[in-house]
Amino acid sequence: MAERKMSEAASGAKIPIPAPSFPTHNSPRVWFLTSSLSPLAVRLIRLLLAHGDYVAAGLPPHEIEDEERSAEFRELINECKSSRKDREGWKDRIRGIRCDGRVMGQCGAAVAEAVEVFGRIDILLCCTSEAVVGTVEEMSTNAATQNLVRDQFEIIFFSQVNFIKATLPLLREKHTGHMIILTGIGGHIGTPGMPMYSASTWALEGYCDSLAYEIAPFNIKLTIVQPNKEISVLTNKITFAPQLPQYESSNNPAPGLRDILANVLNLHHETRINDPYRPSSSKKNKIVSRYPRLPSEARDRLVMETVHALTAIGGHENPPARHIVGYEGVNSVKEKLKTVSEELEDFVEVSCAVDIFKSDVGRAALSGAKVDAHAVQPGAGPSN
């Protein structure tokens, strides 16, 4: 299924793209994007500016200095500065801010600059992502691969936590705001061959699940948006740890995503990992990083569904706590929850056998009956 989806995404086949929808609001909103150079972020910014919103665009230094990675964003900035009638006023409503999210001081300075320019921040979109590919054992072979584990958590978890911490006091003070965390269904389902990517995503989602309760009294909303994993993986940097022969597809089919991603990268001559015409260029024993290069139409096909979900949810008066984008993602999460539920039922007697006191709740778990949790008094002791 994943191979089919990624092949379709890379093919660039044309699909109809519906018009975006936005929640009703009385004035333009101010967005802060933690990373603005991905194909998804660029397309989102274009829609936000067309709608009349303001955008503080975070620019990671190591990405903005990459000419190919930053090409679409630079093209957008040139559009904003052009004399096109349909781009009038855009240049005054976007501010690019160089910031390394891994450095807390830079995050605080970036948030302060956005407030100085636009007066406030209404919506924080945490959309920073990179993917490290390698099994648990492959990530443990030497100091370099072990550092990839730290790098994965620095990018996906700590950098976005830094932006949240920098923004939270401002939203709490004005008693309103919306935090959107863009992750993926990897936050529900582990991915063989990408354990550290899954682990860092789960860590971020667990952090935000707790945070949502803490900030609710301040009228700050938080939404976790989960598109399919290929959305974030194929639109951001992919790093491959050296492969061990025991985990090659001929010996172990479980971590097959490595081959799928390599095939996508090999479609473009400048991102090719294993060049069959140049055997000496094999990278099997080296750490290799690439930004996937997909045709523009393929990028549209890949990200626009998620872009439209973000425009519809951002700043909504009553946004969902968690939003899964796309039928395939919904179906995958349903299957995972079904499996968890079935296993829970299979071992429910073992689970409840450890209870010291036999309560109404325990008996209901064993019988499958419903119980009114409010009617159960904490500390009531054993029931007869």
Protein backbone atom coordinates (compact mmCIF):
# COMPACT_ATOMS: atom_id res chain seq x y z
CA MET A 1 0.00 0.00 0.00
CA ALA A 2 2.77 2.43 0.96
CA GLU A 3 4.71 1.61 -2.21
CA ARG A 4 1.65 2.27 -4.37
CA LYS A 5 0.94 5.59 -2.65
CA MET A 6 4.51 6.82 -2.93
CA SER A 7 4.77 5.77 -6.56
CA GLU A 8 1.57 7.64 -7.33
CA ALA A 9 2.84 10.70 -5.50
CA ALA A 10 6.07 10.69 -7.48
CA SER A 11 4.34 10.18 -10.82
CA GLY A 12 2.96 13.70 -11.06
CA ALA A 13 -0.41 12.58 -12.43
CA LYS A 14 -2.94 15.40 -12.60
CA ILE A 15 -5.79 15.44 -10.09
CA PRO A 16 -8.53 18.00 -9.53
CA ILE A 17 -7.78 20.25 -6.56
CA PRO A 18 -10.85 21.70 -4.82
CA ALA A 19 -10.96 25.26 -3.52
CA PRO A 20 -9.72 25.70 0.05
CA SER A 21 -12.09 26.53 2.89
CA PHE A 22 -11.39 28.79 5.87
CA PRO A 23 -13.22 29.15 9.18
CA THR A 24 -15.24 32.33 9.66
CA HIS A 25 -13.31 35.04 11.46
CA ASN A 26 -13.69 38.78 11.96
CA SER A 27 -10.16 39.85 11.06
CA PRO A 28 -7.06 38.47 9.32
CA ARG A 29 -5.10 36.00 11.38
CA VAL A 30 -1.38 35.91 12.04
CA TRP A 31 0.29 32.53 11.45
CA PHE A 32 3.75 31.48 12.61
CA LEU A 33 5.21 28.53 10.71
CA THR A 34 8.20 26.85 12.34
CA SER A 35 9.58 25.75 8.95
CA SER A 36 8.44 27.31 5.69
CA LEU A 37 10.52 25.78 2.91
CA SER A 38 8.75 22.47 2.33
CA PRO A 39 6.37 22.11 -0.64
CA LEU A 40 3.49 21.86 1.83
CA ALA A 41 4.46 25.04 3.68
CA VAL A 42 4.96 27.07 0.48
CA ARG A 43 1.54 26.07 -0.87
CA LEU A 44 -0.10 26.79 2.47
CA ILE A 45 1.51 30.24 2.67
CA ARG A 46 0.28 31.08 -0.82
CA LEU A 47 -3.31 30.26 0.16
CA LEU A 48 -3.05 32.17 3.45
CA LEU A 49 -1.77 35.31 1.72
CA ALA A 50 -4.49 35.06 -0.93
CA HIS A 51 -7.03 34.84 1.89
CA GLY A 52 -5.67 38.00 3.52
CA ASP A 53 -3.84 36.44 6.47
CA TYR A 54 -0.36 37.34 7.74
CA VAL A 55 2.53 34.86 7.85
CA ALA A 56 5.71 34.79 9.91
CA ALA A 57 7.75 32.21 8.02
CA GLY A 58 10.44 30.39 9.98
CA LEU A 59 13.52 29.68 7.84
CA PRO A 60 15.93 27.03 9.16
CA PRO A 61 19.44 28.27 8.21
CA HIS A 62 20.65 24.90 6.90
CA GLU A 63 17.64 24.74 4.56
CA ILE A 64 17.50 28.34 3.31
CA GLU A 65 21.15 28.04 2.28
CA ASP A 66 20.31 25.02 0.10
CA GLU A 67 19.49 26.49 -3.30
CA GLU A 68 17.23 23.66 -4.46
CA ARG A 69 15.42 23.32 -1.13
CA SER A 70 14.62 27.03 -0.92
CA ALA A 71 13.79 27.52 -4.63
CA GLU A 72 9.99 27.39 -4.28
CA PHE A 73 10.01 29.75 -1.30
CA ARG A 74 12.22 32.25 -3.13
CA GLU A 75 9.87 32.06 -6.10
CA LEU A 76 6.98 32.84 -3.76
CA ILE A 77 8.82 35.86 -2.35
CA ASN A 78 9.43 37.12 -5.89
CA GLU A 79 5.69 36.77 -6.55
CA CYS A 80 4.97 38.80 -3.43
CA LYS A 81 7.26 41.59 -4.66
CA SER A 82 5.89 41.55 -8.20
CA SER A 83 3.43 44.02 -9.69
CA ARG A 84 0.82 41.33 -10.32
CA LYS A 85 -2.63 42.59 -9.42
CA ASP A 86 -3.56 39.33 -7.67
CA ARG A 87 -0.44 39.60 -5.47
CA GLU A 88 -1.07 43.17 -4.28
CA GLY A 89 -0.20 43.63 -0.62
CA TRP A 90 1.35 40.20 -0.22
CA LYS A 91 4.86 41.49 0.50
CA ASP A 92 3.56 43.44 3.50
CA ARG A 93 1.91 40.37 5.00
CA ILE A 94 4.82 37.94 5.02
CA ARG A 95 8.02 38.05 7.02
CA GLY A 96 10.79 35.49 6.62
CA ILE A 97 12.67 34.89 9.88
CA ARG A 98 15.87 32.85 9.98
CA CYS A 99 15.76 30.62 13.01
CA ASP A 100 17.29 27.32 14.13
CA GLY A 101 14.55 25.69 16.18
CA ARG A 102 17.10 23.60 18.07
CA VAL A 103 18.31 26.79 19.81
CA MET A 104 15.80 28.09 22.34
CA GLY A 105 17.20 31.63 22.24
CA GLN A 106 16.66 31.86 18.48
CA CYS A 107 13.08 30.63 18.85
CA GLY A 108 12.34 33.32 21.42
CA ALA A 109 13.90 35.97 19.18
CA ALA A 110 11.92 34.76 16.15
CA VAL A 111 8.62 34.87 18.03
CA ALA A 112 9.47 38.35 19.35
CA GLU A 113 10.24 39.55 15.82
CA ALA A 114 6.93 38.22 14.53
CA VAL A 115 5.04 40.04 17.28
CA GLU A 116 6.99 43.23 16.64
CA VAL A 117 6.12 43.13 12.92
CA PHE A 118 2.51 41.90 13.05
CA GLY A 119 1.44 42.75 16.60
CA ARG A 120 0.51 39.23 17.70
CA ILE A 121 0.48 35.53 16.83
CA ASP A 122 -2.87 33.77 16.47
CA ILE A 123 -1.85 30.38 15.11
CA LEU A 124 1.39 28.47 15.68
CA LEU A 125 1.94 25.75 13.09
CA CYS A 126 4.66 23.28 14.11
CA CYS A 127 5.57 21.71 10.77
CA THR A 128 9.27 20.89 11.06
CA SER A 129 10.21 17.41 9.89
CA GLU A 130 13.07 15.22 8.71
CA ALA A 131 13.14 11.44 8.47
CA VAL A 132 15.95 9.10 9.48
CA VAL A 133 15.74 5.65 7.87
CA GLY A 134 17.39 2.73 9.61
CA THR A 135 16.41 -0.18 11.84
CA VAL A 136 17.11 -0.16 15.58
CA GLU A 137 20.24 -2.25 15.03
CA GLU A 138 21.43 -0.16 12.08
CA MET A 139 21.14 2.98 14.22
CA SER A 140 23.45 1.43 16.84
CA THR A 141 26.45 0.39 14.75
CA ASN A 142 28.77 3.34 15.46
CA ALA A 143 28.96 6.85 16.92
CA ALA A 144 27.79 8.48 13.67
CA THR A 145 24.58 6.43 13.46
CA GLN A 146 23.96 6.93 17.18
CA ASN A 147 24.17 10.68 16.57
CA LEU A 148 21.38 10.30 14.00
CA VAL A 149 19.09 9.27 16.85
CA ARG A 150 19.82 12.50 18.70
CA ASP A 151 19.42 14.50 15.48
CA GLN A 152 16.01 12.95 14.83
CA PHE A 153 14.73 13.97 18.26
CA GLU A 154 16.33 17.42 18.00
CA ILE A 155 14.46 18.13 14.76
CA ILE A 156 11.05 16.59 15.37
CA PHE A 157 10.70 16.89 19.14
CA PHE A 158 12.96 19.46 20.80
CA SER A 159 12.92 22.12 18.07
CA GLN A 160 9.13 22.23 18.02
CA VAL A 161 8.88 22.12 21.81
CA ASN A 162 11.14 25.19 21.80
CA PHE A 163 8.71 27.08 19.56
CA ILE A 164 5.77 26.01 21.71
CA LYS A 165 7.52 27.25 24.86
CA ALA A 166 8.41 30.54 23.18
CA THR A 167 4.86 31.16 21.97
CA LEU A 168 2.81 29.87 24.90
CA PRO A 169 3.23 32.87 27.27
CA LEU A 170 2.00 35.25 24.53
CA LEU A 171 -1.11 33.19 23.80
CA ARG A 172 -1.83 32.74 27.51
CA GLU A 173 -1.55 36.48 28.11
CA LYS A 174 -4.11 37.35 25.44
CA HIS A 175 -6.24 34.35 26.45
CA THR A 176 -6.65 32.97 22.96
CA GLY A 177 -4.75 31.15 20.25
CA HIS A 178 -4.41 27.90 18.35
CA MET A 179 -1.45 25.53 18.19
CA ILE A 180 -1.43 23.07 15.27
CA ILE A 181 1.06 20.21 15.37
CA LEU A 182 1.64 18.54 12.01
CA THR A 183 2.82 14.97 12.57
CA GLY A 184 1.55 11.89 10.71
CA ILE A 185 -0.14 8.57 11.27
CA GLY A 186 3.27 7.42 12.47
CA GLY A 187 2.04 8.92 15.74
CA HIS A 188 -0.43 6.03 15.91
CA ILE A 189 1.36 3.25 14.05
CA GLY A 190 5.01 2.25 14.28
CA THR A 191 6.93 2.04 11.00
CA PRO A 192 9.53 -0.73 10.55
CA GLY A 193 12.76 0.74 9.28
CA MET A 194 11.99 4.16 10.81
CA PRO A 195 11.84 3.51 14.57
CA MET A 196 13.42 6.81 15.60
CA TYR A 197 11.12 8.78 13.35
CA SER A 198 8.15 7.00 14.95
CA ALA A 199 9.57 7.42 18.46
CA SER A 200 10.16 11.16 18.12
CA THR A 201 6.69 11.63 16.61
CA TRP A 202 5.08 9.69 19.46
CA ALA A 203 7.07 11.78 21.95
CA LEU A 204 5.81 15.02 20.40
CA GLU A 205 2.22 13.80 20.35
CA GLY A 206 2.39 12.63 23.97
CA TYR A 207 3.80 16.01 24.98
CA CYS A 208 1.02 17.82 23.14
CA ASP A 209 -1.73 15.56 24.50
CA SER A 210 -0.65 16.60 28.00
CA LEU A 211 -0.17 20.24 27.00
CA ALA A 212 -3.71 20.48 25.60
CA TYR A 213 -5.19 19.93 29.07
CA GLU A 214 -2.83 22.45 30.65
CA ILE A 215 -3.65 25.28 28.25
CA ALA A 216 -7.40 24.70 27.87
CA PRO A 217 -8.22 27.02 30.85
CA PHE A 218 -6.45 29.81 28.95
CA ASN A 219 -8.72 29.35 25.91
CA ILE A 220 -5.78 28.07 23.85
CA LYS A 221 -6.70 25.30 21.44
CA LEU A 222 -4.37 22.53 20.28
CA THR A 223 -4.84 20.26 17.27
CA ILE A 224 -2.65 17.37 16.14
CA VAL A 225 -2.97 16.89 12.36
CA GLN A 226 -1.94 13.47 11.05
CA PRO A 227 -1.57 12.99 7.28
CA ASN A 228 -0.14 9.81 5.77
CA LYS A 229 3.55 9.31 6.49
CA GLU A 230 4.60 9.96 2.88
CA ILE A 231 3.37 13.57 3.14
CA SER A 232 6.12 14.62 5.54
CA VAL A 233 8.73 12.06 4.46
CA LEU A 234 8.69 12.90 0.73
CA THR A 235 8.63 16.67 1.26
CA ASN A 236 11.54 16.95 3.70
CA LYS A 237 15.08 15.67 4.07
CA ILE A 238 15.56 11.90 4.25
CA THR A 239 18.69 10.47 5.87
CA PHE A 240 19.68 6.84 5.38
CA ALA A 241 21.82 5.01 7.93
CA PRO A 242 24.11 2.34 6.40
CA GLN A 243 22.20 -0.89 5.83
CA LEU A 244 23.17 -4.15 7.49
CA PRO A 245 22.93 -7.23 5.25
CA GLN A 246 20.58 -8.91 7.74
CA TYR A 247 17.98 -6.21 7.01
CA GLU A 248 18.17 -6.26 3.22
CA SER A 249 14.79 -7.00 1.66
CA SER A 250 15.92 -10.42 0.50
CA ASN A 251 16.57 -11.42 4.12
CA ASN A 252 14.04 -9.37 6.08
CA PRO A 253 11.01 -7.85 4.35
CA ALA A 254 9.81 -5.88 7.40
CA PRO A 255 11.89 -2.69 6.93
CA GLY A 256 10.99 -2.48 3.22
CA LEU A 257 10.30 1.26 3.35
CA ARG A 258 14.01 1.88 2.76
CA ASP A 259 13.75 0.33 -0.71
CA ILE A 260 10.55 2.24 -1.49
CA LEU A 261 12.10 5.60 -0.57
CA ALA A 262 15.32 4.77 -2.42
CA ASN A 263 13.31 3.96 -5.56
CA VAL A 264 11.56 7.34 -5.35
CA LEU A 265 14.88 9.17 -4.94
CA ASN A 266 16.43 7.21 -7.80
CA LEU A 267 13.79 8.58 -10.19
CA HIS A 268 15.74 11.86 -10.29
CA HIS A 269 19.34 11.77 -11.46
CA GLU A 270 20.48 14.38 -8.94
CA THR A 271 19.06 12.54 -5.92
CA ARG A 272 20.01 9.04 -7.02
CA ILE A 273 21.43 6.94 -4.19
CA ASN A 274 22.64 3.86 -6.08
CA ASP A 275 23.65 4.67 -9.64
CA PRO A 276 23.71 1.44 -11.69
CA TYR A 277 25.95 3.13 -14.25
CA ARG A 278 28.50 4.16 -11.65
CA PRO A 279 29.16 1.24 -9.29
CA SER A 280 31.82 3.19 -7.45
CA SER A 281 29.14 5.68 -6.34
CA SER A 282 27.40 3.13 -4.12
CA LYS A 283 26.47 4.66 -0.77
CA LYS A 284 25.56 1.44 1.06
CA ASN A 285 28.24 1.95 3.72
CA LYS A 286 27.75 5.67 4.19
CA ILE A 287 25.19 7.98 5.77
CA VAL A 288 23.33 9.61 2.90
CA SER A 289 20.89 12.55 3.02
CA ARG A 290 18.63 13.79 0.23
CA TYR A 291 15.76 16.19 -0.35
CA PRO A 292 13.35 14.37 -2.68
CA ARG A 293 12.83 16.19 -5.99
CA LEU A 294 9.33 15.61 -7.28
CA PRO A 295 7.62 17.32 -10.23
CA SER A 296 5.46 20.29 -9.25
CA GLU A 297 2.28 18.41 -10.12
CA ALA A 298 3.42 15.50 -7.96
CA ARG A 299 3.98 17.87 -5.06
CA ASP A 300 0.48 19.26 -5.49
CA ARG A 301 -0.94 15.76 -5.55
CA LEU A 302 0.98 14.87 -2.42
CA VAL A 303 0.28 17.83 -0.13
CA MET A 304 -2.83 19.76 -1.15
CA GLU A 305 -5.24 17.56 0.79
CA THR A 306 -3.29 18.32 3.96
CA VAL A 307 -2.93 22.01 3.06
CA HIS A 308 -6.71 22.31 2.76
CA ALA A 309 -7.17 20.54 6.09
CA LEU A 310 -4.88 23.11 7.72
CA THR A 311 -6.71 26.08 6.24
CA ALA A 312 -10.05 24.66 7.36
CA ILE A 313 -8.89 23.95 10.92
CA GLY A 314 -6.53 26.86 11.61
CA GLY A 315 -8.20 29.37 13.93
CA HIS A 316 -11.45 27.40 14.08
CA GLU A 317 -13.61 28.30 17.08
CA ASN A 318 -13.94 24.65 18.07
CA PRO A 319 -11.17 22.71 16.31
CA PRO A 320 -10.68 18.96 16.73
CA ALA A 321 -8.06 17.73 19.19
CA ARG A 322 -6.81 15.31 16.52
CA HIS A 323 -7.47 15.26 12.79
CA ILE A 324 -6.45 12.43 10.47
CA VAL A 325 -6.14 13.47 6.83
CA GLY A 326 -7.26 11.13 4.06
CA TYR A 327 -9.15 7.88 3.78
CA GLU A 328 -6.07 5.68 3.90
CA GLY A 329 -4.88 7.27 7.13
CA VAL A 330 -8.31 6.91 8.72
CA ASN A 331 -8.48 3.27 7.68
CA SER A 332 -4.97 2.52 9.00
CA VAL A 333 -5.72 4.05 12.39
CA LYS A 334 -9.04 2.21 12.60
CA GLU A 335 -7.26 -1.08 11.93
CA LYS A 336 -4.68 -0.31 14.62
CA LEU A 337 -7.38 0.57 17.18
CA LYS A 338 -9.31 -2.56 16.23
CA THR A 339 -6.22 -4.70 16.85
CA VAL A 340 -5.60 -3.04 20.22
CA SER A 341 -9.23 -3.56 21.22
CA GLU A 342 -9.20 -7.22 20.18
CA GLU A 343 -5.99 -7.93 22.08
CA LEU A 344 -7.38 -6.13 25.12
CA GLU A 345 -10.44 -8.38 25.08
CA ASP A 346 -8.32 -11.50 24.60
CA PHE A 347 -6.34 -10.75 27.76
CA VAL A 348 -8.90 -8.81 29.81
CA GLU A 349 -9.12 -11.54 32.46
CA VAL A 350 -5.35 -11.45 32.91
CA SER A 351 -5.43 -7.64 33.10
CA CYS A 352 -8.18 -7.57 35.73
CA ALA A 353 -6.76 -10.49 37.73
CA VAL A 354 -4.15 -8.19 39.32
CA ASP A 355 -6.80 -5.95 40.93
CA ILE A 356 -6.66 -6.25 44.72
CA PHE A 357 -10.25 -5.04 45.11
CA LYS A 358 -13.06 -6.32 42.93
CA SER A 359 -14.99 -3.23 41.86
CA ASP A 360 -17.95 -2.46 39.64
CA VAL A 361 -15.52 -1.16 37.03
CA GLY A 362 -13.55 -4.40 37.06
CA ARG A 363 -16.66 -6.54 36.77
CA ALA A 364 -17.88 -4.38 33.89
CA ALA A 365 -14.54 -4.83 32.09
CA LEU A 366 -14.85 -8.59 32.36
CA SER A 367 -18.48 -8.72 31.24
CA GLY A 368 -18.29 -6.02 28.59
CA ALA A 369 -21.05 -4.04 30.33
CA LYS A 370 -20.97 -0.27 30.70
CA VAL A 371 -20.55 1.38 34.08
CA ASP A 372 -21.20 4.94 35.19
CA ALA A 373 -17.74 6.14 36.11
CA HIS A 374 -19.21 9.11 37.99
CA ALA A 375 -21.11 6.74 40.27
CA VAL A 376 -17.92 5.01 41.39
CA GLN A 377 -16.48 6.76 44.41
CA PRO A 378 -12.68 6.85 44.58
CA GLY A 379 -11.29 5.04 47.58
CA ALA A 380 -14.59 3.36 48.35
CA GLY A 381 -12.85 0.06 49.08
CA PRO A 382 -13.97 -3.43 48.12
CA SER A 383 -17.56 -4.12 47.19
CA ASN A 384 -19.40 -7.23 48.32
